[in-house]
Amino acid sequence: MQFFVQWISNIIVFILVASLVMMLIPNSSLAKYVKFVASLLLIVMMLQPIFQIFRVNIKDVLGNYQSKTLQADGSVKNEINNKKKDIEATERAYILNQMAVQMKKSVEKSFSKEFKQQIDTVSLEVDENKSSINNPSDVSKVIVTIGKNHSQSNNVQPVQEVSINSSEPLEMDSNKQLQNDIQQFLATKWQLDERQIDVQLEGGE
C-alpha cells in the first residue's frame, strides 16, 4: 500500500514540476523537446508498478534500448559508408575513363603523323590514397598501347632482299628506341614525366 501511495505522489510531483518548467520555457523547438522527454519520463513512472511486479529494473530496460539503438545506428552508418565508397569508386573510374579519352584525342593526329602508327588504348592508374583527380599530373601511371597504322599496313610493300643473320638484338634495340621516342613525345604533349608513361608496342614487349 505504501508503495502505491509513494508512486502516486511521485507522479503528482513530477506533473507539477514539469508544468512549471513548461511555463518557464518559451514556445520554441526546445519546448517541444522538453515536452517529449517529460512525457517519456511520465510514461516510465506510470509503468513502474508493472516493472516491480515482473521485477524488471528500469535502468536495465533503458540500457538495453539504448544499446540496441546504438547498434542500429552503427549498422546504418556502416551501410551509408559502404554506399559512399561505391559511389566514389564509380565516380573515380568515370573521371579516369574520360580523362584517358581526352588525352588520347589530344595527341592522336600528331602522333600518327610523327610515328606512322596509331594509339590503340590509353589507360590511367592512380594512387589509392589520392583523394582527388583534377589533371593528368595527378595520375601515377599512363599505360599506352601502340598499334600499327592500318593505312600503312594495307599498302603493298615491295619485295625486299632477305639476308639470314642474327637480327633479333637489333630489332630489340630498335623497339626500345621507339619506346623511348614515344615516351618523350607523349610526355611533352601531356606535360608529364617520362617515368609516368608505360609504352607497350603491339607484338613487342
Protein backbone atom coordinates (compact mmCIF):
# COMPACT_ATOMS: atom_id res chain seq x y z
CA MET A 1 0.00 0.00 0.00
CA GLN A 2 2.82 2.36 0.90
CA PHE A 3 4.42 1.68 -2.47
CA PHE A 4 1.29 2.80 -4.36
CA VAL A 5 0.94 5.93 -2.23
CA GLN A 6 4.55 6.86 -2.94
CA TRP A 7 4.06 6.03 -6.60
CA ILE A 8 1.04 8.33 -6.97
CA SER A 9 2.80 11.07 -5.02
CA ASN A 10 5.81 10.88 -7.30
CA ILE A 11 3.59 11.17 -10.38
CA ILE A 12 1.76 14.21 -8.96
CA VAL A 13 5.03 15.94 -8.02
CA PHE A 14 6.53 15.19 -11.42
CA ILE A 15 3.47 16.61 -13.22
CA LEU A 16 3.63 19.80 -11.15
CA VAL A 17 7.36 20.25 -11.74
CA ALA A 18 7.00 19.50 -15.48
CA SER A 19 4.14 22.01 -15.78
CA LEU A 20 6.23 24.67 -14.05
CA VAL A 21 9.20 24.03 -16.33
CA MET A 22 6.99 24.20 -19.44
CA MET A 23 5.63 27.56 -18.29
CA LEU A 24 9.14 28.96 -17.89
CA ILE A 25 10.44 27.74 -21.25
CA PRO A 26 9.46 29.93 -24.25
CA ASN A 27 7.44 28.41 -27.06
CA SER A 28 10.20 27.08 -29.34
CA SER A 29 11.71 23.89 -30.66
CA LEU A 30 13.35 23.41 -27.26
CA ALA A 31 9.91 23.38 -25.62
CA LYS A 32 8.82 20.54 -27.91
CA TYR A 33 11.92 18.54 -27.00
CA VAL A 34 11.39 19.11 -23.25
CA LYS A 35 7.74 18.14 -23.57
CA PHE A 36 8.71 14.91 -25.34
CA VAL A 37 11.26 13.99 -22.65
CA ALA A 38 8.81 14.83 -19.86
CA SER A 39 6.12 12.66 -21.49
CA LEU A 40 8.56 9.78 -21.83
CA LEU A 41 9.57 10.01 -18.17
CA LEU A 42 5.93 10.21 -17.09
CA ILE A 43 5.15 7.03 -19.02
CA VAL A 44 8.08 5.28 -17.35
CA MET A 45 6.89 6.41 -13.91
CA MET A 46 3.35 5.24 -14.59
CA LEU A 47 4.64 1.82 -15.66
CA GLN A 48 6.82 1.48 -12.58
CA PRO A 49 4.38 -0.85 -10.73
CA ILE A 50 4.35 -3.20 -13.71
CA PHE A 51 8.14 -3.27 -13.68
CA GLN A 52 8.05 -4.05 -9.98
CA ILE A 53 5.59 -6.88 -10.47
CA PHE A 54 7.80 -8.52 -13.05
CA ARG A 55 10.89 -7.43 -11.12
CA VAL A 56 12.27 -5.56 -14.07
CA ASN A 57 14.99 -2.99 -13.49
CA ILE A 58 14.12 0.26 -15.29
CA LYS A 59 17.79 1.06 -15.76
CA ASP A 60 18.30 -2.29 -17.49
CA VAL A 61 15.33 -1.67 -19.79
CA LEU A 62 16.56 1.79 -20.77
CA GLY A 63 20.12 0.49 -21.08
CA ASN A 64 19.10 -2.34 -23.43
CA TYR A 65 17.04 0.08 -25.52
CA GLN A 66 19.98 2.45 -25.78
CA SER A 67 22.34 -0.40 -26.69
CA LYS A 68 20.03 -1.64 -29.46
CA THR A 69 19.63 1.91 -30.73
CA LEU A 70 23.40 2.39 -30.89
CA GLN A 71 23.84 -0.93 -32.70
CA ALA A 72 21.18 0.04 -35.24
CA ASP A 73 22.81 3.44 -35.73
CA GLY A 74 26.18 1.73 -36.24
CA SER A 75 24.75 -0.61 -38.88
CA VAL A 76 23.12 2.30 -40.71
CA LYS A 77 26.37 4.29 -40.63
CA ASN A 78 28.33 1.31 -41.99
CA GLU A 79 25.84 0.85 -44.81
CA ILE A 80 25.98 4.55 -45.64
CA ASN A 81 29.80 4.47 -45.65
CA ASN A 82 29.80 1.42 -47.96
CA LYS A 83 27.36 3.11 -50.36
CA LYS A 84 29.50 6.25 -50.27
CA LYS A 85 32.64 4.27 -51.13
CA ASP A 86 30.85 2.54 -54.03
CA ILE A 87 29.69 5.90 -55.40
CA GLU A 88 33.17 7.40 -55.04
CA ALA A 89 34.75 4.39 -56.81
CA THR A 90 32.28 4.66 -59.71
CA GLU A 91 32.84 8.39 -59.99
CA ARG A 92 36.62 7.89 -59.87
CA ALA A 93 36.51 5.27 -62.65
CA TYR A 94 34.35 7.58 -64.80
CA ILE A 95 36.75 10.51 -64.34
CA LEU A 96 39.76 8.34 -65.25
CA ASN A 97 38.00 6.99 -68.34
CA GLN A 98 37.01 10.46 -69.55
CA MET A 99 40.50 11.80 -68.88
CA ALA A 100 42.07 8.91 -70.84
CA VAL A 101 39.74 9.58 -73.80
CA GLN A 102 40.63 13.28 -73.83
CA MET A 103 44.37 12.55 -73.55
CA LYS A 104 44.18 10.13 -76.49
CA LYS A 105 42.24 12.57 -78.66
CA SER A 106 44.69 15.38 -77.95
CA VAL A 107 47.65 13.52 -79.50
CA GLU A 108 46.14 11.07 -82.00
CA LYS A 109 46.72 13.09 -85.17
CA SER A 110 50.16 14.43 -84.32
CA PHE A 111 51.28 11.00 -83.07
CA SER A 112 50.16 9.22 -86.24
CA LYS A 113 51.89 11.84 -88.34
CA GLU A 114 55.12 11.60 -86.31
CA PHE A 115 55.45 7.83 -85.92
CA LYS A 116 53.23 6.45 -88.72
CA GLN A 117 51.46 4.36 -86.06
CA GLN A 118 48.31 4.71 -84.00
CA ILE A 119 47.41 4.71 -80.35
CA ASP A 120 45.10 1.79 -79.59
CA THR A 121 44.34 2.37 -75.92
CA VAL A 122 45.18 4.74 -73.10
CA SER A 123 44.55 3.67 -69.50
CA LEU A 124 45.33 5.50 -66.29
CA GLU A 125 46.42 4.33 -62.86
CA VAL A 126 46.10 6.48 -59.76
CA ASP A 127 47.37 6.00 -56.24
CA GLU A 128 44.52 4.82 -53.99
CA ASN A 129 45.49 7.43 -51.40
CA LYS A 130 44.90 10.20 -53.93
CA SER A 131 41.74 11.96 -52.80
CA SER A 132 41.01 13.92 -55.99
CA ILE A 133 41.89 13.78 -59.69
CA ASN A 134 41.95 17.15 -61.40
CA ASN A 135 44.53 16.85 -64.19
CA PRO A 136 46.94 14.33 -65.77
CA SER A 137 49.69 15.22 -63.28
CA ASP A 138 47.61 13.54 -60.56
CA VAL A 139 47.97 10.23 -62.42
CA SER A 140 50.68 7.86 -61.18
CA LYS A 141 50.94 5.87 -64.43
CA VAL A 142 49.71 6.15 -68.02
CA ILE A 143 49.68 2.87 -69.98
CA VAL A 144 49.69 3.43 -73.74
CA THR A 145 49.25 0.58 -76.21
CA ILE A 146 50.60 1.31 -79.68
CA GLY A 147 49.38 -0.47 -82.79
CA LYS A 148 50.38 -0.27 -86.42
CA ASN A 149 48.76 2.33 -88.63
CA HIS A 150 46.16 0.43 -90.66
CA SER A 151 46.52 2.75 -93.63
CA GLN A 152 50.21 1.97 -93.72
CA SER A 153 49.83 -1.77 -93.19
CA ASN A 154 47.31 -2.02 -96.05
CA ASN A 155 49.77 -0.62 -98.58
CA VAL A 156 51.57 -3.21 -100.69
CA GLN A 157 55.22 -3.24 -99.73
CA PRO A 158 57.89 -4.05 -102.32
CA VAL A 159 59.72 -7.36 -102.02
CA GLN A 160 62.96 -6.83 -100.13
CA GLU A 161 66.08 -8.94 -100.21
CA VAL A 162 66.21 -11.33 -97.28
CA SER A 163 69.51 -11.94 -95.58
CA ILE A 164 69.99 -14.58 -92.91
CA ASN A 165 71.73 -13.20 -89.84
CA SER A 166 71.19 -12.76 -86.15
CA SER A 167 69.00 -9.64 -86.20
CA GLU A 168 66.99 -10.14 -83.01
CA PRO A 169 69.20 -7.90 -80.83
CA LEU A 170 68.97 -5.14 -83.43
CA GLU A 171 65.18 -5.46 -83.52
CA MET A 172 65.00 -5.29 -79.72
CA ASP A 173 67.22 -2.20 -79.71
CA SER A 174 65.01 -0.65 -82.37
CA ASN A 175 61.86 -1.30 -80.35
CA LYS A 176 63.47 0.09 -77.22
CA GLN A 177 64.49 3.24 -79.04
CA LEU A 178 60.97 3.59 -80.45
CA GLN A 179 59.50 3.24 -76.97
CA ASN A 180 61.84 5.94 -75.65
CA ASP A 181 60.95 8.28 -78.53
CA ILE A 182 57.23 7.73 -77.93
CA GLN A 183 57.66 8.31 -74.19
CA GLN A 184 59.42 11.61 -74.83
CA PHE A 185 56.79 12.67 -77.37
CA LEU A 186 53.81 11.87 -75.13
CA ALA A 187 55.48 13.30 -72.02
CA THR A 188 55.95 16.60 -73.84
CA LYS A 189 52.39 16.65 -75.17
CA TRP A 190 50.78 15.70 -71.87
CA GLN A 191 53.28 17.61 -69.70
CA LEU A 192 54.18 14.53 -67.70
CA ASP A 193 57.36 12.90 -66.52
CA GLU A 194 58.60 10.19 -68.90
CA ARG A 195 58.65 7.74 -65.98
CA GLN A 196 54.86 8.11 -65.67
CA ILE A 197 54.33 6.70 -69.18
CA ASP A 198 54.44 3.00 -69.95
CA VAL A 199 54.54 2.36 -73.71
CA GLN A 200 53.54 -1.10 -74.92
CA LEU A 201 54.17 -1.92 -78.58
CA GLU A 202 51.78 -4.28 -80.35
CA GLY A 203 53.59 -7.56 -80.89
CA GLY A 204 56.52 -6.34 -78.83
CA GLU A 205 57.47 -6.19 -75.17
